[in-house]
């Protein structure tokens, strides 16, 4: 299943009960996402398209989901249930974070401003989620992340010169409870988790 679904935080597709219920799977087991007003972004259209693609792959117990989407799902706490769902159902998850979020003001290693490959404010990610026969995992899934920061021209040159397999990637296991798709130092994460939370 491949696609570049629309990003719409204020979805016009909330009257489609079947997919709204399927997306609800991303909230199950997370009391903090059950509160009124929480997890609104889980009803974004691109999330519904990802859930629909995931459901299709599950029906035949194998397949590949290749999507270009908003990159918020990679590290935003609201999407921890979605990430858990993917980790439970896919054996290999490869993401390319193209960054470009206008609100983050990120810069490349050379100091150049980070720009979006599309003319939008949201950052963008390319995701390849693979599921093999007998989708149950024997061990932990393989999670790998590549990223590109910089000008549009720099990103296009890198994308034209490399395949997904050729881009430098970091392989890691997302750490609970957030399961963000970023490589973290396990010791520092444990230390951070011992601090007193400030709701």
Foldseek 3Di string as FASTA:
>chain_A
DEEADDWDLPDPPPVVVVLVVLLCQLCPPPVVQVDPPHLSSSPTGVNSVVSVVLVVCVVVQWDKYKYKYQCCLQFPLSNQSVLVVLQQQFQEKEKEWAFAAQVPQDADPVRATFHALDPDNTTIMIMITTGDHPRGDPDGHKAKYAYDGHDNVVVVVVPVVDDSVPGDIDIDFQDPDSRHSDDDDPVVVVVVVPDDDDD
